[in-house]
Amino acid sequence: MTLKTLKRWYARQMSFGVDVRLDLYRTLSSFLKGGLPINDVIEKMASEFRRYGDLRHVILADWAAEMRDGRSFSQTLSSWSPPGEVSMIRSGEEAGEIAEGLDNAVLATEAVLEMRRTIRRNLAYPCVLMLVAFVLIYVFSVEGIPAMVDMIPVSDWPAASQALYGLALFVQQSWYLALAGLFGAGALIGYSLGNLTGPVREALDRLPPWSIYRSVQSSVFLISLSSMMKTGTPVADGLATIHSLSGRYVRWQVRKLQVRINSGKSIGAALDTGFFPREVRIAINTYAALADIQQEFERLGRGSIKTSLEIIGAGTKVLNTAVLLGIAGYVGWVYYTFFVLNQEIARMTSAF
């Protein structure tokens, strides 16, 4: 590894996170809108960052060197920025509107970040609840149930309480299997979100977390497509670009759109698929019937973000409710067992 490569790697890790990257896009866009040449802007900014000892000078100096060698701005970004952002900036560059491409990349990335923040924020509470539930079950299984067995033999317990004892035995003897199963299920679900396709996926897309993932990806799709169309990219080319840069699930959805368009359907009719939430499909059909839908993609994308955030909130509320009901059911089960066993103890005591 050469010193230059090492410096680039260090600069990327330490000084080119998503917030820094978006701020740099905004700064460049502002200079370009002021009529300044991008080559001169990058050269001067690299010089200023170097003067102040800012690591970003490594990034900008690398861009400047590649552009002096004849590469386009978007080509210089290919080894620094995510492919989706590069594709939007390239579309703007090809249309002579690099500033527009930079703004589009900022818009799309901020939308993704906002949805991710919403998901993390909304999932925090149910995750804490699930942790509390597992601790409750474990403590009661290793402490509470053995004490109850000492009072009354399990053979004298009612059937529902014996089932609770069976659960406690499983926790005592095989808790690691339950933990492994939980992590395994989580890993399987996580893998399925971005990779599972076909009829099974169409059914799962109606349920969280698959419905949340679908909503997020469809919003990103609309924002990305609208960003490219604003800079003059034809719909077919935009779909091809998104298809080439996406994961398996999104490629599957985009391929369905391409097939519908190639079969002669209008853009509005082609987009009326299960990839988009119902509210977004209603908006798509309305725009397609009453306006030039290609001029409304940005509005659709922004509306889709709002819809996705609402779906995320609704999905996590369902999860919250399910976890709370599970905890309440377990506590009720334990209370019932205590109540029945106390009655049995009282009966046995009165018999003496």
Foldseek 3Di string as FASTA:
>chain_A
DDPLVVLVVVCLVPPPPPVNVLVVLLVLLVVVVVVDDSLVVLVVVLVVCVVVVHSCNSLSVQQNVVVVVPDDSLVSCPVRDALLLSVLLVLLVVLVRNSLSSVLSSVLVVLLVVLVVLLVVLVPVLVVLVVVLVVVLQCCLVPVVVVLCVLPPLVPFDPLVVVSNVSSVCCVPPVVVVVVVVVVVVVVVVVCLQAPDDPVLLVCCVAPPNVLSLLSVVLSLLSSQLSSVVSPDDSVVSLVSCLVRGTNHVVVLSVQLVVCVVVPDDNLVSPLDPSHDPVLNVVSVVCVVPHDVSVCSNVSSVVSSVVSSVVSNVNSVVSNVVSVVVSVVVVVSVVVRVVVSVVVSVVVVVVD
